[in-house]
Amino acid sequence: MKPVYSLLVISLMWSCKNDTTKPEVPITQNPMNEELTDTRNYEADGNFEEDVYTYERKTDSINENWNLNNPERQMGLYARFNMSDAQQEKYETALSNWFQSQTNEPYEKLGTTTRIEAEDSILKPILDEHQYENYQAWAQDNDKR
């Protein structure tokens, strides 16, 4: 019995010495958010506030203000600066001439800077001094490049 006893003691010591088990990590539960999980405070029609979304059309943006071909923009331009019929006709003629000119570089006409400069050069001889000053102030206010 003595050899069995000594073998048992040696195996016990050997097993305790070479313990490779991972240390036990205490298990903690995630704290719960009471406000998110509390379902006791409901109303008959629900607790949801009505979200009202309004779509506001952007006005005076680069795309709208510097799209020189836009008829609505042209009508607004005529009304804003009180252009006479003769001025309107001169503006439309000069604008169509500008679009038909410079056919070698058509992509230059797509840039906002080019359009602003072109419209300024078109309107300068057409508008009177007061109208042109108002136009320059308006163009500067709406130049958001």
C-alpha atoms as a PDB file:
ATOM      1  CA  MET A   1       0.000   0.000   0.000  1.00  0.00           C
ATOM      2  CA  LYS A   2       2.904   2.246   0.641  1.00  0.00           C
ATOM      3  CA  PRO A   3       3.921   2.436  -3.065  1.00  0.00           C
ATOM      4  CA  VAL A   4       0.333   3.258  -4.045  1.00  0.00           C
ATOM      5  CA  TYR A   5       0.182   5.938  -1.385  1.00  0.00           C
ATOM      6  CA  SER A   6       3.478   7.470  -2.489  1.00  0.00           C
ATOM      7  CA  LEU A   7       2.379   7.342  -6.137  1.00  0.00           C
ATOM      8  CA  LEU A   8      -0.835   9.124  -5.233  1.00  0.00           C
ATOM      9  CA  VAL A   9       1.040  11.832  -3.318  1.00  0.00           C
ATOM     10  CA  ILE A  10       3.508  12.336  -6.183  1.00  0.00           C
ATOM     11  CA  SER A  11       0.710  12.593  -8.768  1.00  0.00           C
ATOM     12  CA  LEU A  12      -1.176  15.033  -6.556  1.00  0.00           C
ATOM     13  CA  MET A  13       1.896  17.225  -6.175  1.00  0.00           C
ATOM     14  CA  TRP A  14       2.612  16.986  -9.889  1.00  0.00           C
ATOM     15  CA  SER A  15      -0.906  18.013 -10.841  1.00  0.00           C
ATOM     16  CA  CYS A  16      -0.972  20.991  -8.473  1.00  0.00           C
ATOM     17  CA  LYS A  17       2.398  22.205  -9.653  1.00  0.00           C
ATOM     18  CA  ASN A  18       1.502  22.210 -13.350  1.00  0.00           C
ATOM     19  CA  ASP A  19      -1.883  23.880 -13.152  1.00  0.00           C
ATOM     20  CA  THR A  20      -2.525  25.361 -16.620  1.00  0.00           C
ATOM     21  CA  THR A  21      -6.165  26.310 -16.202  1.00  0.00           C
ATOM     22  CA  LYS A  22      -7.036  29.913 -16.806  1.00  0.00           C
ATOM     23  CA  PRO A  23      -7.964  32.017 -13.839  1.00  0.00           C
ATOM     24  CA  GLU A  24     -11.663  32.334 -13.337  1.00  0.00           C
ATOM     25  CA  VAL A  25     -13.046  35.664 -14.518  1.00  0.00           C
ATOM     26  CA  PRO A  26     -15.939  36.950 -12.490  1.00  0.00           C
ATOM     27  CA  ILE A  27     -19.069  37.208 -14.618  1.00  0.00           C
ATOM     28  CA  THR A  28     -20.672  40.630 -14.452  1.00  0.00           C
ATOM     29  CA  GLN A  29     -23.854  41.455 -16.219  1.00  0.00           C
ATOM     30  CA  ASN A  30     -24.063  44.510 -18.413  1.00  0.00           C
ATOM     31  CA  PRO A  31     -25.867  47.350 -16.726  1.00  0.00           C
ATOM     32  CA  MET A  32     -29.217  47.973 -18.319  1.00  0.00           C
ATOM     33  CA  ASN A  33     -30.529  51.361 -19.193  1.00  0.00           C
ATOM     34  CA  GLU A  34     -33.758  51.748 -17.296  1.00  0.00           C
ATOM     35  CA  GLU A  35     -35.107  54.408 -19.631  1.00  0.00           C
ATOM     36  CA  LEU A  36     -34.690  52.182 -22.675  1.00  0.00           C
ATOM     37  CA  THR A  37     -36.082  49.043 -21.126  1.00  0.00           C
ATOM     38  CA  ASP A  38     -38.913  50.493 -19.080  1.00  0.00           C
ATOM     39  CA  THR A  39     -42.112  49.648 -20.922  1.00  0.00           C
ATOM     40  CA  ARG A  40     -44.477  50.396 -18.097  1.00  0.00           C
ATOM     41  CA  ASN A  41     -45.030  54.051 -18.947  1.00  0.00           C
ATOM     42  CA  TYR A  42     -46.786  53.691 -22.262  1.00  0.00           C
ATOM     43  CA  GLU A  43     -49.774  55.609 -23.450  1.00  0.00           C
ATOM     44  CA  ALA A  44     -52.632  54.310 -25.514  1.00  0.00           C
ATOM     45  CA  ASP A  45     -51.508  56.210 -28.596  1.00  0.00           C
ATOM     46  CA  GLY A  46     -47.796  55.563 -28.026  1.00  0.00           C
ATOM     47  CA  ASN A  47     -44.967  57.602 -26.593  1.00  0.00           C
ATOM     48  CA  PHE A  48     -43.739  58.851 -29.920  1.00  0.00           C
ATOM     49  CA  GLU A  49     -43.630  62.545 -30.592  1.00  0.00           C
ATOM     50  CA  GLU A  50     -44.665  63.424 -34.063  1.00  0.00           C
ATOM     51  CA  ASP A  51     -41.606  64.377 -36.074  1.00  0.00           C
ATOM     52  CA  VAL A  52     -42.413  67.099 -38.510  1.00  0.00           C
ATOM     53  CA  TYR A  53     -39.991  67.393 -41.381  1.00  0.00           C
ATOM     54  CA  THR A  54     -40.158  70.417 -43.566  1.00  0.00           C
ATOM     55  CA  TYR A  55     -38.482  70.698 -46.896  1.00  0.00           C
ATOM     56  CA  GLU A  56     -37.126  74.140 -47.462  1.00  0.00           C
ATOM     57  CA  ARG A  57     -36.156  74.889 -50.990  1.00  0.00           C
ATOM     58  CA  LYS A  58     -32.759  76.480 -51.109  1.00  0.00           C
ATOM     59  CA  THR A  59     -32.809  79.819 -52.771  1.00  0.00           C
ATOM     60  CA  ASP A  60     -29.862  81.925 -53.813  1.00  0.00           C
ATOM     61  CA  SER A  61     -27.573  78.927 -54.146  1.00  0.00           C
ATOM     62  CA  ILE A  62     -24.792  78.678 -56.706  1.00  0.00           C
ATOM     63  CA  ASN A  63     -26.626  76.112 -58.807  1.00  0.00           C
ATOM     64  CA  GLU A  64     -29.748  78.216 -58.959  1.00  0.00           C
ATOM     65  CA  ASN A  65     -28.179  81.654 -59.232  1.00  0.00           C
ATOM     66  CA  TRP A  66     -25.522  80.879 -61.756  1.00  0.00           C
ATOM     67  CA  ASN A  67     -27.503  78.622 -64.080  1.00  0.00           C
ATOM     68  CA  LEU A  68     -27.806  81.343 -66.666  1.00  0.00           C
ATOM     69  CA  ASN A  69     -30.150  79.323 -68.902  1.00  0.00           C
ATOM     70  CA  ASN A  70     -32.818  78.866 -66.227  1.00  0.00           C
ATOM     71  CA  PRO A  71     -35.947  80.816 -67.312  1.00  0.00           C
ATOM     72  CA  GLU A  72     -37.147  81.176 -63.709  1.00  0.00           C
ATOM     73  CA  ARG A  73     -33.810  82.668 -62.759  1.00  0.00           C
ATOM     74  CA  GLN A  74     -33.970  85.078 -65.679  1.00  0.00           C
ATOM     75  CA  MET A  75     -37.479  86.201 -64.724  1.00  0.00           C
ATOM     76  CA  GLY A  76     -36.305  86.727 -61.142  1.00  0.00           C
ATOM     77  CA  LEU A  77     -33.327  88.713 -62.409  1.00  0.00           C
ATOM     78  CA  TYR A  78     -35.579  90.924 -64.505  1.00  0.00           C
ATOM     79  CA  ALA A  79     -37.919  91.561 -61.598  1.00  0.00           C
ATOM     80  CA  ARG A  80     -35.172  92.060 -59.001  1.00  0.00           C
ATOM     81  CA  PHE A  81     -33.378  94.755 -60.991  1.00  0.00           C
ATOM     82  CA  ASN A  82     -36.450  96.256 -62.711  1.00  0.00           C
ATOM     83  CA  MET A  83     -35.115  95.617 -66.184  1.00  0.00           C
ATOM     84  CA  SER A  84     -37.045  97.112 -69.081  1.00  0.00           C
ATOM     85  CA  ASP A  85     -38.146  95.044 -72.074  1.00  0.00           C
ATOM     86  CA  ALA A  86     -35.275  96.438 -74.147  1.00  0.00           C
ATOM     87  CA  GLN A  87     -32.771  95.509 -71.426  1.00  0.00           C
ATOM     88  CA  GLN A  88     -34.242  92.021 -71.193  1.00  0.00           C
ATOM     89  CA  GLU A  89     -33.955  91.543 -74.939  1.00  0.00           C
ATOM     90  CA  LYS A  90     -30.349  92.778 -74.976  1.00  0.00           C
ATOM     91  CA  TYR A  91     -29.496  90.455 -72.070  1.00  0.00           C
ATOM     92  CA  GLU A  92     -31.042  87.398 -73.752  1.00  0.00           C
ATOM     93  CA  THR A  93     -29.276  88.160 -77.047  1.00  0.00           C
ATOM     94  CA  ALA A  94     -25.904  88.696 -75.374  1.00  0.00           C
ATOM     95  CA  LEU A  95     -26.362  85.543 -73.288  1.00  0.00           C
ATOM     96  CA  SER A  96     -27.163  83.375 -76.309  1.00  0.00           C
ATOM     97  CA  ASN A  97     -24.177  84.874 -78.165  1.00  0.00           C
ATOM     98  CA  TRP A  98     -21.950  84.031 -75.205  1.00  0.00           C
ATOM     99  CA  PHE A  99     -23.185  80.424 -75.119  1.00  0.00           C
ATOM    100  CA  GLN A 100     -22.612  80.040 -78.869  1.00  0.00           C
ATOM    101  CA  SER A 101     -19.136  81.545 -78.720  1.00  0.00           C
ATOM    102  CA  GLN A 102     -16.039  79.753 -77.434  1.00  0.00           C
ATOM    103  CA  THR A 103     -16.996  76.353 -78.789  1.00  0.00           C
ATOM    104  CA  ASN A 104     -13.385  75.154 -78.502  1.00  0.00           C
ATOM    105  CA  GLU A 105     -13.580  74.898 -74.700  1.00  0.00           C
ATOM    106  CA  PRO A 106     -17.205  74.067 -73.824  1.00  0.00           C
ATOM    107  CA  TYR A 107     -16.348  72.887 -70.306  1.00  0.00           C
ATOM    108  CA  GLU A 108     -15.145  76.353 -69.350  1.00  0.00           C
ATOM    109  CA  LYS A 109     -18.767  77.495 -69.427  1.00  0.00           C
ATOM    110  CA  LEU A 110     -19.677  75.002 -66.715  1.00  0.00           C
ATOM    111  CA  GLY A 111     -17.593  76.723 -64.047  1.00  0.00           C
ATOM    112  CA  THR A 112     -19.256  79.125 -61.656  1.00  0.00           C
ATOM    113  CA  THR A 113     -16.420  81.618 -61.908  1.00  0.00           C
ATOM    114  CA  THR A 114     -16.737  81.784 -65.679  1.00  0.00           C
ATOM    115  CA  ARG A 115     -20.498  82.240 -65.476  1.00  0.00           C
ATOM    116  CA  ILE A 116     -20.231  84.999 -62.878  1.00  0.00           C
ATOM    117  CA  GLU A 117     -17.668  86.873 -64.955  1.00  0.00           C
ATOM    118  CA  ALA A 118     -19.680  86.387 -68.154  1.00  0.00           C
ATOM    119  CA  GLU A 119     -22.915  87.625 -66.651  1.00  0.00           C
ATOM    120  CA  ASP A 120     -21.137  90.597 -65.127  1.00  0.00           C
ATOM    121  CA  SER A 121     -19.597  91.534 -68.475  1.00  0.00           C
ATOM    122  CA  ILE A 122     -22.966  91.047 -70.219  1.00  0.00           C
ATOM    123  CA  LEU A 123     -24.961  93.132 -67.737  1.00  0.00           C
ATOM    124  CA  LYS A 124     -22.483  95.996 -67.302  1.00  0.00           C
ATOM    125  CA  PRO A 125     -23.314  97.752 -70.609  1.00  0.00           C
ATOM    126  CA  ILE A 126     -27.023  96.843 -70.406  1.00  0.00           C
ATOM    127  CA  LEU A 127     -27.946  98.016 -66.892  1.00  0.00           C
ATOM    128  CA  ASP A 128     -27.899 101.605 -65.747  1.00  0.00           C
ATOM    129  CA  GLU A 129     -25.553 102.641 -62.939  1.00  0.00           C
ATOM    130  CA  HIS A 130     -28.002 102.055 -60.055  1.00  0.00           C
ATOM    131  CA  GLN A 131     -29.167  98.684 -61.412  1.00  0.00           C
ATOM    132  CA  TYR A 132     -25.585  97.559 -61.951  1.00  0.00           C
ATOM    133  CA  GLU A 133     -24.588  98.502 -58.381  1.00  0.00           C
ATOM    134  CA  ASN A 134     -27.540  96.486 -57.066  1.00  0.00           C
ATOM    135  CA  TYR A 135     -26.538  93.578 -59.291  1.00  0.00           C
ATOM    136  CA  GLN A 136     -22.953  93.637 -58.012  1.00  0.00           C
ATOM    137  CA  ALA A 137     -24.137  93.641 -54.386  1.00  0.00           C
ATOM    138  CA  TRP A 138     -26.527  90.766 -55.097  1.00  0.00           C
ATOM    139  CA  ALA A 139     -23.843  88.777 -56.942  1.00  0.00           C
ATOM    140  CA  GLN A 140     -21.385  89.266 -54.101  1.00  0.00           C
ATOM    141  CA  ASP A 141     -23.956  88.155 -51.504  1.00  0.00           C
ATOM    142  CA  ASN A 142     -24.747  85.009 -53.495  1.00  0.00           C
ATOM    143  CA  ASP A 143     -21.210  84.100 -54.501  1.00  0.00           C
ATOM    144  CA  LYS A 144     -20.679  80.984 -52.354  1.00  0.00           C
ATOM    145  CA  ARG A 145     -17.975  79.267 -54.330  1.00  0.00           C
END
